[in-house]
Amino acid sequence: MNLLDRLKSEYLEKLKLVKEQYPTSAKKIEISLSENQSVFALTISEASSICMFFDIEMTLSNILNMIEENE
């Protein structure tokens, strides 16, 4: 499963809001999340953009908290 599939519902909602206001940025975020299976594979630029548009501080803990645990 990729990160987009494991994104918590509250962040999926935020992604929808980003998509309405900033469709190009939302597409880039979706691509970043769908092409990676681990947050550790995200580039700093990708992680920074995700945190900026999701309005969270860019910390490893916050990024990890966006993702559902593997079941």
C-alpha atoms as a PDB file:
ATOM      1  CA  MET A   1       0.000   0.000   0.000  1.00  0.00           C
ATOM      2  CA  ASN A   2       1.219   3.464  -0.800  1.00  0.00           C
ATOM      3  CA  LEU A   3       1.028   6.496   1.494  1.00  0.00           C
ATOM      4  CA  LEU A   4      -2.043   7.904  -0.233  1.00  0.00           C
ATOM      5  CA  ASP A   5      -3.932   4.666   0.481  1.00  0.00           C
ATOM      6  CA  ARG A   6      -2.878   4.860   4.134  1.00  0.00           C
ATOM      7  CA  LEU A   7      -3.539   8.571   4.671  1.00  0.00           C
ATOM      8  CA  LYS A   8      -5.801   9.131   7.676  1.00  0.00           C
ATOM      9  CA  SER A   9      -9.304  10.351   6.884  1.00  0.00           C
ATOM     10  CA  GLU A  10      -8.767  13.794   8.409  1.00  0.00           C
ATOM     11  CA  TYR A  11      -5.879  14.354   5.999  1.00  0.00           C
ATOM     12  CA  LEU A  12      -7.872  13.042   3.063  1.00  0.00           C
ATOM     13  CA  GLU A  13     -10.385  15.775   3.891  1.00  0.00           C
ATOM     14  CA  LYS A  14      -7.605  18.355   4.009  1.00  0.00           C
ATOM     15  CA  LEU A  15      -6.379  17.087   0.648  1.00  0.00           C
ATOM     16  CA  LYS A  16      -9.849  17.660  -0.803  1.00  0.00           C
ATOM     17  CA  LEU A  17      -9.773  21.250   0.445  1.00  0.00           C
ATOM     18  CA  VAL A  18      -6.303  21.777  -1.009  1.00  0.00           C
ATOM     19  CA  LYS A  19      -7.535  20.339  -4.304  1.00  0.00           C
ATOM     20  CA  GLU A  20     -10.326  22.925  -4.445  1.00  0.00           C
ATOM     21  CA  GLN A  21      -8.034  25.879  -3.806  1.00  0.00           C
ATOM     22  CA  TYR A  22      -4.729  24.696  -5.264  1.00  0.00           C
ATOM     23  CA  PRO A  23      -5.357  21.912  -7.794  1.00  0.00           C
ATOM     24  CA  THR A  24      -1.795  21.791  -9.127  1.00  0.00           C
ATOM     25  CA  SER A  25      -0.268  21.532  -5.661  1.00  0.00           C
ATOM     26  CA  ALA A  26      -2.808  18.911  -4.630  1.00  0.00           C
ATOM     27  CA  LYS A  27      -1.904  16.838  -7.689  1.00  0.00           C
ATOM     28  CA  LYS A  28       1.789  17.001  -6.738  1.00  0.00           C
ATOM     29  CA  ILE A  29       0.960  15.915  -3.190  1.00  0.00           C
ATOM     30  CA  GLU A  30      -1.152  13.014  -4.493  1.00  0.00           C
ATOM     31  CA  ILE A  31       1.676  11.908  -6.783  1.00  0.00           C
ATOM     32  CA  SER A  32       4.222  12.084  -3.942  1.00  0.00           C
ATOM     33  CA  LEU A  33       1.985  10.052  -1.656  1.00  0.00           C
ATOM     34  CA  SER A  34       0.992   7.521  -4.292  1.00  0.00           C
ATOM     35  CA  GLU A  35       4.562   6.883  -5.464  1.00  0.00           C
ATOM     36  CA  ASN A  36       5.932   6.166  -1.981  1.00  0.00           C
ATOM     37  CA  GLN A  37       5.248   3.401   0.487  1.00  0.00           C
ATOM     38  CA  SER A  38       7.159   4.956   3.377  1.00  0.00           C
ATOM     39  CA  VAL A  39       7.368   8.493   4.731  1.00  0.00           C
ATOM     40  CA  PHE A  40      11.132   7.983   4.778  1.00  0.00           C
ATOM     41  CA  ALA A  41      11.105   7.843   0.974  1.00  0.00           C
ATOM     42  CA  LEU A  42       9.624  11.332   0.666  1.00  0.00           C
ATOM     43  CA  THR A  43      12.049  14.077  -0.288  1.00  0.00           C
ATOM     44  CA  ILE A  44      12.408  17.036   2.040  1.00  0.00           C
ATOM     45  CA  SER A  45      10.687  19.171  -0.585  1.00  0.00           C
ATOM     46  CA  GLU A  46       7.732  16.762  -0.811  1.00  0.00           C
ATOM     47  CA  ALA A  47       7.393  16.519   2.971  1.00  0.00           C
ATOM     48  CA  SER A  48       7.642  20.294   3.283  1.00  0.00           C
ATOM     49  CA  SER A  49       4.889  20.864   0.707  1.00  0.00           C
ATOM     50  CA  ILE A  50       2.623  18.291   2.313  1.00  0.00           C
ATOM     51  CA  CYS A  51       3.038  19.861   5.748  1.00  0.00           C
ATOM     52  CA  MET A  52       2.585  23.380   4.421  1.00  0.00           C
ATOM     53  CA  PHE A  53      -0.670  22.602   2.617  1.00  0.00           C
ATOM     54  CA  PHE A  54      -1.957  20.424   5.478  1.00  0.00           C
ATOM     55  CA  ASP A  55      -1.092  23.258   7.882  1.00  0.00           C
ATOM     56  CA  ILE A  56       1.062  21.203  10.222  1.00  0.00           C
ATOM     57  CA  GLU A  57       4.571  21.766  11.511  1.00  0.00           C
ATOM     58  CA  MET A  58       7.143  19.799   9.528  1.00  0.00           C
ATOM     59  CA  THR A  59       8.377  17.211  11.996  1.00  0.00           C
ATOM     60  CA  LEU A  60       8.914  13.518  11.499  1.00  0.00           C
ATOM     61  CA  SER A  61       6.363  12.815  14.212  1.00  0.00           C
ATOM     62  CA  ASN A  62       3.676  14.883  12.456  1.00  0.00           C
ATOM     63  CA  ILE A  63       4.379  13.236   9.118  1.00  0.00           C
ATOM     64  CA  LEU A  64       4.239   9.764  10.651  1.00  0.00           C
ATOM     65  CA  ASN A  65       0.968  10.652  12.410  1.00  0.00           C
ATOM     66  CA  MET A  66      -0.712  11.385   9.065  1.00  0.00           C
ATOM     67  CA  ILE A  67      -0.376   7.750   8.028  1.00  0.00           C
ATOM     68  CA  GLU A  68      -2.397   4.765   9.242  1.00  0.00           C
ATOM     69  CA  GLU A  69      -0.341   1.907  10.617  1.00  0.00           C
ATOM     70  CA  ASN A  70       0.029  -1.183   8.430  1.00  0.00           C
ATOM     71  CA  GLU A  71      -2.523  -3.784   9.333  1.00  0.00           C
END
